[in-house]
């Protein structure tokens, strides 16, 4: 499925996560969930985004919201990323791009004249009823986490 929009049901997923075990979107039914897709652990933009969500994690928790970061990196890489930067958001390993494809964020990209497939940085706010409340495509990291927090407050 591609081009998910507000009001559509959020595709469910179960993925391995940092710290062991799995994380399943539908397990958070009845609460808002922020799912942010990012290209790669420990790169500058992805680290900044994860640190911003971590800095605001207590505020998201007060609103009953869970923040889940999803990338194609392995759970073992996520563990290193979490430890190195003291992250407090859940990180899901989407090595087969199952969730990325379901959310339409696995796209053809180009850099330095080469084309390749990768994650288009995107965020989805999922309402307590399991529908998509808001979509941020092609996210620019600067102050993004704060903007998402404001959207959660507005639910």
N, C-alpha and C. Protein backbone atom coordinates (compact mmCIF):
# COMPACT_ATOMS: atom_id res chain seq x y z
N UNK A 1 0.86 -1.19 0.00
CA UNK A 1 0.00 0.00 0.00
C UNK A 1 0.89 1.24 0.00
N UNK A 2 0.52 2.22 -0.75
CA UNK A 2 1.29 3.45 -0.75
C UNK A 2 0.35 4.63 -0.58
N UNK A 3 0.94 5.78 -0.37
CA UNK A 3 0.18 7.01 -0.22
C UNK A 3 -0.90 6.91 0.85
N UNK A 4 -0.50 6.53 2.04
CA UNK A 4 -1.42 6.49 3.16
C UNK A 4 -1.78 7.93 3.54
N UNK A 5 -3.04 8.14 3.85
CA UNK A 5 -3.49 9.47 4.22
C UNK A 5 -4.30 9.41 5.50
N UNK A 6 -4.58 10.58 6.05
CA UNK A 6 -5.36 10.67 7.29
C UNK A 6 -6.68 9.95 7.13
N UNK A 7 -7.06 9.24 8.19
CA UNK A 7 -8.32 8.52 8.21
C UNK A 7 -8.21 7.07 7.78
N UNK A 8 -7.13 6.72 7.10
CA UNK A 8 -6.95 5.33 6.68
C UNK A 8 -6.46 4.49 7.85
N UNK A 9 -6.79 3.19 7.87
CA UNK A 9 -6.25 2.34 8.93
C UNK A 9 -4.73 2.21 8.78
N UNK A 10 -4.03 2.26 9.88
CA UNK A 10 -2.58 2.12 9.86
C UNK A 10 -2.23 0.65 9.68
N UNK A 11 -1.37 0.32 8.72
CA UNK A 11 -0.96 -1.08 8.56
C UNK A 11 -0.26 -1.59 9.82
N UNK A 12 -0.69 -2.76 10.28
CA UNK A 12 -0.07 -3.35 11.47
C UNK A 12 1.28 -3.95 11.09
N UNK A 13 2.16 -4.06 12.05
CA UNK A 13 3.44 -4.73 11.83
C UNK A 13 3.93 -5.32 13.13
N UNK A 14 4.72 -6.36 13.01
CA UNK A 14 5.47 -6.94 14.13
C UNK A 14 6.90 -7.06 13.65
N UNK A 15 7.81 -6.38 14.35
CA UNK A 15 9.21 -6.35 13.95
C UNK A 15 10.10 -6.59 15.16
N UNK A 16 11.31 -7.16 14.93
CA UNK A 16 12.28 -7.25 16.03
C UNK A 16 12.63 -5.84 16.50
N UNK A 17 12.95 -5.72 17.78
CA UNK A 17 13.25 -4.39 18.32
C UNK A 17 14.55 -4.39 19.12
N UNK A 18 15.01 -3.17 19.38
CA UNK A 18 16.20 -3.03 20.24
C UNK A 18 15.90 -3.67 21.58
N UNK A 19 16.92 -4.21 22.20
CA UNK A 19 16.76 -4.80 23.53
C UNK A 19 16.18 -6.20 23.51
N UNK A 20 15.88 -6.73 22.33
CA UNK A 20 15.33 -8.08 22.23
C UNK A 20 13.81 -8.08 22.12
N UNK A 21 13.28 -9.17 21.63
CA UNK A 21 11.84 -9.31 21.47
C UNK A 21 11.34 -8.58 20.23
N UNK A 22 10.03 -8.48 20.15
CA UNK A 22 9.38 -7.85 19.01
C UNK A 22 8.54 -6.67 19.49
N UNK A 23 8.19 -5.83 18.54
CA UNK A 23 7.25 -4.74 18.81
C UNK A 23 6.15 -4.83 17.76
N UNK A 24 4.90 -4.80 18.25
CA UNK A 24 3.74 -4.93 17.38
C UNK A 24 2.89 -3.68 17.50
N UNK A 25 2.61 -3.06 16.38
CA UNK A 25 1.85 -1.81 16.40
C UNK A 25 0.49 -1.99 17.08
N UNK A 26 -0.24 -3.04 16.73
CA UNK A 26 -1.59 -3.22 17.26
C UNK A 26 -1.62 -3.43 18.78
N UNK A 27 -0.47 -3.75 19.38
CA UNK A 27 -0.40 -3.91 20.84
C UNK A 27 -0.65 -2.58 21.55
N UNK A 28 -0.56 -1.47 20.81
CA UNK A 28 -0.76 -0.15 21.41
C UNK A 28 -2.16 0.40 21.13
N UNK A 29 -3.07 -0.46 20.71
CA UNK A 29 -4.44 -0.02 20.41
C UNK A 29 -5.02 0.73 21.61
N UNK A 30 -5.73 1.80 21.32
CA UNK A 30 -6.34 2.61 22.38
C UNK A 30 -5.45 3.76 22.81
N UNK A 31 -4.23 3.83 22.25
CA UNK A 31 -3.31 4.91 22.58
C UNK A 31 -2.72 5.46 21.28
N UNK A 32 -2.34 6.73 21.27
CA UNK A 32 -1.67 7.25 20.07
C UNK A 32 -0.26 6.70 19.93
N UNK A 33 0.16 6.50 18.69
CA UNK A 33 1.50 6.00 18.40
C UNK A 33 2.11 6.87 17.31
N UNK A 34 3.37 7.24 17.51
CA UNK A 34 4.14 7.93 16.49
C UNK A 34 5.09 6.90 15.88
N UNK A 35 4.98 6.68 14.58
CA UNK A 35 5.89 5.78 13.88
C UNK A 35 6.71 6.63 12.93
N UNK A 36 8.01 6.70 13.20
CA UNK A 36 8.85 7.47 12.29
C UNK A 36 9.84 6.55 11.60
N UNK A 37 9.88 6.68 10.29
CA UNK A 37 10.78 5.89 9.46
C UNK A 37 12.02 6.72 9.17
N UNK A 38 13.19 6.11 9.34
CA UNK A 38 14.44 6.82 9.08
C UNK A 38 15.41 5.89 8.36
N UNK A 39 16.33 6.46 7.58
CA UNK A 39 17.19 5.62 6.72
C UNK A 39 18.21 4.74 7.42
N UNK A 40 18.95 5.26 8.43
CA UNK A 40 20.08 4.48 8.92
C UNK A 40 20.53 4.96 10.30
N UNK A 41 20.79 3.99 11.17
CA UNK A 41 21.32 4.30 12.50
C UNK A 41 22.65 5.04 12.40
N UNK A 42 22.85 5.96 13.34
CA UNK A 42 24.14 6.62 13.56
C UNK A 42 24.62 7.49 12.40
N UNK A 43 23.72 7.97 11.57
CA UNK A 43 24.07 9.00 10.60
C UNK A 43 23.61 10.33 11.19
N UNK A 44 24.10 11.43 10.69
CA UNK A 44 23.85 12.71 11.37
C UNK A 44 22.36 13.05 11.49
N UNK A 45 21.62 13.01 10.40
CA UNK A 45 20.20 13.36 10.47
C UNK A 45 19.40 12.39 11.31
N UNK A 46 19.70 11.12 11.17
CA UNK A 46 18.95 10.10 11.92
C UNK A 46 19.26 10.17 13.41
N UNK A 47 20.51 10.48 13.74
CA UNK A 47 20.88 10.62 15.15
C UNK A 47 20.20 11.85 15.74
N UNK A 48 20.21 12.96 15.02
CA UNK A 48 19.54 14.18 15.49
C UNK A 48 18.05 13.91 15.73
N UNK A 49 17.40 13.23 14.78
CA UNK A 49 15.97 12.94 14.92
C UNK A 49 15.71 12.06 16.15
N UNK A 50 16.50 11.01 16.32
CA UNK A 50 16.33 10.11 17.47
C UNK A 50 16.56 10.84 18.79
N UNK A 51 17.57 11.72 18.82
CA UNK A 51 17.84 12.49 20.04
C UNK A 51 16.72 13.48 20.34
N UNK A 52 16.12 14.06 19.30
CA UNK A 52 14.99 14.98 19.53
C UNK A 52 13.79 14.24 20.09
N UNK A 53 13.47 13.07 19.52
CA UNK A 53 12.35 12.29 20.06
C UNK A 53 12.65 11.82 21.48
N UNK A 54 13.91 11.44 21.74
CA UNK A 54 14.30 11.02 23.09
C UNK A 54 14.14 12.18 24.08
N UNK A 55 14.57 13.38 23.67
CA UNK A 55 14.48 14.55 24.56
C UNK A 55 13.03 14.86 24.94
N UNK A 56 12.11 14.53 24.06
CA UNK A 56 10.68 14.81 24.31
C UNK A 56 9.91 13.57 24.77
N UNK A 57 10.62 12.46 25.02
CA UNK A 57 9.93 11.21 25.31
C UNK A 57 9.03 11.29 26.55
N UNK A 58 9.46 12.01 27.58
CA UNK A 58 8.62 12.14 28.78
C UNK A 58 7.31 12.86 28.45
N UNK A 59 7.38 13.85 27.57
CA UNK A 59 6.16 14.58 27.19
C UNK A 59 5.23 13.70 26.36
N UNK A 60 5.80 12.89 25.46
CA UNK A 60 4.97 11.95 24.70
C UNK A 60 4.31 10.96 25.66
N UNK A 61 5.08 10.46 26.63
CA UNK A 61 4.56 9.49 27.61
C UNK A 61 3.42 10.09 28.42
N UNK A 62 3.54 11.36 28.82
CA UNK A 62 2.47 12.02 29.58
C UNK A 62 1.17 12.04 28.80
N UNK A 63 1.28 12.10 27.47
CA UNK A 63 0.10 12.10 26.61
C UNK A 63 -0.36 10.69 26.26
N UNK A 64 0.33 9.69 26.81
CA UNK A 64 -0.03 8.30 26.54
C UNK A 64 0.46 7.80 25.20
N UNK A 65 1.34 8.55 24.55
CA UNK A 65 1.81 8.20 23.21
C UNK A 65 3.13 7.43 23.26
N UNK A 66 3.25 6.46 22.36
CA UNK A 66 4.47 5.70 22.19
C UNK A 66 5.15 6.16 20.91
N UNK A 67 6.47 6.28 20.94
CA UNK A 67 7.24 6.64 19.75
C UNK A 67 8.06 5.43 19.32
N UNK A 68 7.91 5.06 18.05
CA UNK A 68 8.64 3.93 17.49
C UNK A 68 9.41 4.40 16.26
N UNK A 69 10.72 4.24 16.28
CA UNK A 69 11.54 4.52 15.11
C UNK A 69 11.73 3.23 14.32
N UNK A 70 11.62 3.30 13.00
CA UNK A 70 11.76 2.12 12.15
C UNK A 70 12.81 2.39 11.07
N UNK A 71 13.77 1.48 10.95
CA UNK A 71 14.76 1.57 9.87
C UNK A 71 15.10 0.16 9.41
N UNK A 72 15.80 0.05 8.27
CA UNK A 72 16.19 -1.27 7.79
C UNK A 72 17.37 -1.88 8.55
N UNK A 73 17.91 -1.18 9.52
CA UNK A 73 19.02 -1.71 10.30
C UNK A 73 18.56 -2.88 11.18
N UNK A 74 19.51 -3.74 11.55
CA UNK A 74 19.21 -4.90 12.40
C UNK A 74 18.97 -4.45 13.85
N UNK A 75 18.34 -5.34 14.62
CA UNK A 75 18.13 -5.06 16.05
C UNK A 75 19.47 -4.90 16.76
N UNK A 76 20.49 -5.65 16.35
CA UNK A 76 21.81 -5.53 16.97
C UNK A 76 22.40 -4.14 16.71
N UNK A 77 22.23 -3.62 15.49
CA UNK A 77 22.69 -2.25 15.19
C UNK A 77 21.90 -1.24 16.03
N UNK A 78 20.60 -1.47 16.16
CA UNK A 78 19.77 -0.59 17.00
C UNK A 78 20.29 -0.57 18.43
N UNK A 79 20.65 -1.75 18.95
CA UNK A 79 21.17 -1.81 20.33
C UNK A 79 22.40 -0.93 20.49
N UNK A 80 23.32 -0.97 19.53
CA UNK A 80 24.52 -0.14 19.58
C UNK A 80 24.17 1.34 19.50
N UNK A 81 23.23 1.68 18.63
CA UNK A 81 22.77 3.06 18.43
C UNK A 81 22.14 3.60 19.72
N UNK A 82 21.28 2.79 20.34
CA UNK A 82 20.62 3.18 21.58
C UNK A 82 21.65 3.40 22.68
N UNK A 83 22.59 2.46 22.80
CA UNK A 83 23.61 2.56 23.86
C UNK A 83 24.50 3.78 23.65
N UNK A 84 24.97 3.99 22.42
CA UNK A 84 25.89 5.08 22.11
C UNK A 84 25.28 6.44 22.42
N UNK A 85 23.97 6.60 22.15
CA UNK A 85 23.33 7.91 22.29
C UNK A 85 22.30 7.98 23.43
N UNK A 86 22.23 6.94 24.26
CA UNK A 86 21.28 6.89 25.38
C UNK A 86 19.85 7.20 24.93
N UNK A 87 19.42 6.52 23.87
CA UNK A 87 18.08 6.77 23.32
C UNK A 87 17.01 6.09 24.17
N UNK A 88 15.84 6.70 24.23
CA UNK A 88 14.75 6.11 25.00
C UNK A 88 13.53 5.76 24.14
N UNK A 89 13.64 5.94 22.83
CA UNK A 89 12.53 5.56 21.96
C UNK A 89 12.75 4.12 21.49
N UNK A 90 11.66 3.40 21.24
CA UNK A 90 11.75 2.04 20.73
C UNK A 90 12.22 2.09 19.28
N UNK A 91 13.13 1.19 18.92
CA UNK A 91 13.60 1.12 17.54
C UNK A 91 13.29 -0.27 16.97
N UNK A 92 12.58 -0.29 15.85
CA UNK A 92 12.19 -1.54 15.21
C UNK A 92 13.08 -1.80 14.00
N UNK A 93 13.46 -3.06 13.82
CA UNK A 93 14.33 -3.47 12.73
C UNK A 93 13.48 -4.01 11.57
N UNK A 94 13.44 -3.26 10.50
CA UNK A 94 12.64 -3.62 9.32
C UNK A 94 13.58 -4.04 8.18
N UNK A 95 14.37 -5.11 8.45
CA UNK A 95 15.40 -5.52 7.50
C UNK A 95 14.83 -5.98 6.16
N UNK A 96 13.60 -6.49 6.15
CA UNK A 96 12.98 -6.95 4.90
C UNK A 96 12.07 -5.88 4.29
N UNK A 97 12.05 -4.69 4.89
CA UNK A 97 11.26 -3.55 4.42
C UNK A 97 9.76 -3.84 4.37
N UNK A 98 9.27 -4.72 5.23
CA UNK A 98 7.85 -5.07 5.25
C UNK A 98 7.02 -3.85 5.65
N UNK A 99 7.38 -3.22 6.77
CA UNK A 99 6.64 -2.04 7.22
C UNK A 99 6.88 -0.87 6.27
N UNK A 100 8.12 -0.69 5.82
CA UNK A 100 8.44 0.42 4.92
C UNK A 100 7.61 0.34 3.64
N UNK A 101 7.45 -0.86 3.11
CA UNK A 101 6.61 -1.02 1.92
C UNK A 101 5.14 -0.80 2.23
N UNK A 102 4.67 -1.30 3.37
CA UNK A 102 3.27 -1.14 3.75
C UNK A 102 2.91 0.34 3.92
N UNK A 103 3.87 1.13 4.39
CA UNK A 103 3.63 2.55 4.61
C UNK A 103 4.05 3.41 3.41
N UNK A 104 4.57 2.76 2.38
CA UNK A 104 4.92 3.49 1.15
C UNK A 104 6.14 4.38 1.27
N UNK A 105 7.06 4.04 2.16
CA UNK A 105 8.23 4.89 2.35
C UNK A 105 9.52 4.27 1.80
N UNK A 106 9.44 3.06 1.24
CA UNK A 106 10.60 2.43 0.61
C UNK A 106 10.59 2.90 -0.84
N UNK A 107 11.49 3.83 -1.16
CA UNK A 107 11.43 4.52 -2.44
C UNK A 107 12.77 4.52 -3.15
N UNK A 108 12.69 4.79 -4.44
CA UNK A 108 13.92 4.97 -5.20
C UNK A 108 14.48 6.34 -4.85
N UNK A 109 15.76 6.37 -4.53
CA UNK A 109 16.43 7.61 -4.15
C UNK A 109 17.66 7.75 -5.03
N UNK A 110 18.23 8.94 -5.04
CA UNK A 110 19.48 9.11 -5.79
C UNK A 110 20.42 10.01 -5.01
N UNK A 111 21.70 9.68 -5.12
CA UNK A 111 22.74 10.48 -4.48
C UNK A 111 24.00 10.36 -5.32
N UNK A 112 24.60 11.47 -5.62
CA UNK A 112 25.82 11.50 -6.41
C UNK A 112 25.66 10.75 -7.74
N UNK A 113 24.48 10.89 -8.34
CA UNK A 113 24.23 10.29 -9.64
C UNK A 113 23.88 8.81 -9.62
N UNK A 114 23.85 8.20 -8.44
CA UNK A 114 23.50 6.78 -8.34
C UNK A 114 22.09 6.66 -7.78
N UNK A 115 21.32 5.73 -8.34
CA UNK A 115 19.98 5.49 -7.79
C UNK A 115 20.02 4.21 -6.96
N UNK A 116 19.22 4.20 -5.92
CA UNK A 116 19.15 3.05 -5.02
C UNK A 116 17.81 3.10 -4.29
N UNK A 117 17.45 1.99 -3.67
CA UNK A 117 16.22 1.94 -2.88
C UNK A 117 16.56 2.25 -1.42
N UNK A 118 15.70 3.02 -0.78
CA UNK A 118 15.93 3.36 0.62
C UNK A 118 14.70 3.98 1.25
N UNK A 119 14.82 4.26 2.51
CA UNK A 119 13.73 4.86 3.28
C UNK A 119 13.64 6.36 2.97
N UNK A 120 12.44 6.82 2.66
CA UNK A 120 12.18 8.26 2.58
C UNK A 120 11.72 8.66 3.98
N UNK A 121 12.50 9.50 4.65
CA UNK A 121 12.21 9.88 6.04
C UNK A 121 10.79 10.40 6.13
N UNK A 122 9.97 9.68 6.90
CA UNK A 122 8.54 10.01 7.01
C UNK A 122 8.06 9.66 8.40
N UNK A 123 7.02 10.37 8.85
CA UNK A 123 6.45 10.11 10.17
C UNK A 123 4.94 9.97 10.04
N UNK A 124 4.39 9.03 10.81
CA UNK A 124 2.95 8.78 10.82
C UNK A 124 2.47 8.88 12.26
N UNK A 125 1.44 9.69 12.49
CA UNK A 125 0.79 9.76 13.79
C UNK A 125 -0.46 8.90 13.70
N UNK A 126 -0.51 7.89 14.53
CA UNK A 126 -1.63 6.95 14.52
C UNK A 126 -2.49 7.23 15.75
N UNK A 127 -3.75 7.48 15.51
CA UNK A 127 -4.69 7.79 16.59
C UNK A 127 -5.02 6.53 17.40
N UNK A 128 -5.65 6.74 18.54
CA UNK A 128 -5.99 5.63 19.43
C UNK A 128 -6.87 4.58 18.76
N UNK A 129 -7.64 4.99 17.75
CA UNK A 129 -8.52 4.04 17.06
C UNK A 129 -7.83 3.27 15.94
N UNK A 130 -6.50 3.48 15.80
CA UNK A 130 -5.75 2.73 14.80
C UNK A 130 -5.74 3.33 13.41
N UNK A 131 -6.32 4.52 13.28
CA UNK A 131 -6.28 5.19 11.98
C UNK A 131 -5.16 6.22 11.95
N UNK A 132 -4.74 6.55 10.76
CA UNK A 132 -3.69 7.54 10.61
C UNK A 132 -4.29 8.93 10.81
N UNK A 133 -3.73 9.66 11.78
CA UNK A 133 -4.22 11.00 12.09
C UNK A 133 -3.48 12.06 11.28
N UNK A 134 -2.19 11.78 11.01
CA UNK A 134 -1.40 12.76 10.28
C UNK A 134 -0.18 12.09 9.66
N UNK A 135 0.24 12.60 8.52
CA UNK A 135 1.42 12.07 7.82
C UNK A 135 2.37 13.23 7.54
N UNK A 136 3.65 12.99 7.82
CA UNK A 136 4.70 13.94 7.45
C UNK A 136 5.61 13.23 6.45
N UNK A 137 5.46 13.50 5.15
CA UNK A 137 6.37 12.88 4.18
C UNK A 137 7.64 13.73 4.03
N UNK A 138 8.70 13.12 3.57
CA UNK A 138 9.95 13.83 3.30
C UNK A 138 10.34 14.77 4.44
N UNK A 139 10.42 14.22 5.62
CA UNK A 139 10.66 14.99 6.84
C UNK A 139 12.01 15.71 6.81
N UNK A 140 11.99 16.95 7.24
CA UNK A 140 13.21 17.69 7.55
C UNK A 140 13.35 17.61 9.07
N UNK A 141 14.51 17.17 9.53
CA UNK A 141 14.70 16.82 10.94
C UNK A 141 14.53 18.01 11.88
N UNK A 142 14.97 19.18 11.48
CA UNK A 142 14.94 20.36 12.35
C UNK A 142 13.56 20.59 12.97
N UNK A 143 13.47 20.54 14.28
CA UNK A 143 12.25 20.77 15.08
C UNK A 143 11.08 19.87 14.73
N UNK A 144 11.34 18.76 14.03
CA UNK A 144 10.27 17.84 13.63
C UNK A 144 9.61 17.18 14.85
N UNK A 145 10.41 16.70 15.80
CA UNK A 145 9.85 16.00 16.96
C UNK A 145 8.89 16.90 17.73
N UNK A 146 9.24 18.18 17.86
CA UNK A 146 8.37 19.13 18.56
C UNK A 146 7.05 19.30 17.80
N UNK A 147 7.12 19.36 16.49
CA UNK A 147 5.91 19.49 15.67
C UNK A 147 5.00 18.26 15.84
N UNK A 148 5.61 17.09 15.89
CA UNK A 148 4.83 15.86 16.10
C UNK A 148 4.19 15.87 17.49
N UNK A 149 4.94 16.32 18.49
CA UNK A 149 4.40 16.41 19.85
C UNK A 149 3.18 17.31 19.88
N UNK A 150 3.24 18.46 19.20
CA UNK A 150 2.09 19.37 19.14
C UNK A 150 0.89 18.70 18.49
N UNK A 151 1.13 17.88 17.47
CA UNK A 151 0.03 17.16 16.80
C UNK A 151 -0.59 16.12 17.73
N UNK A 152 0.24 15.47 18.55
CA UNK A 152 -0.28 14.50 19.53
C UNK A 152 -1.16 15.24 20.55
N UNK A 153 -0.71 16.39 21.00
CA UNK A 153 -1.48 17.19 21.95
C UNK A 153 -2.84 17.57 21.37
N UNK A 154 -2.90 17.77 20.06
CA UNK A 154 -4.12 18.21 19.40
C UNK A 154 -5.12 17.07 19.13
N UNK A 155 -4.69 15.83 19.36
CA UNK A 155 -5.60 14.69 19.11
C UNK A 155 -6.81 14.73 20.02
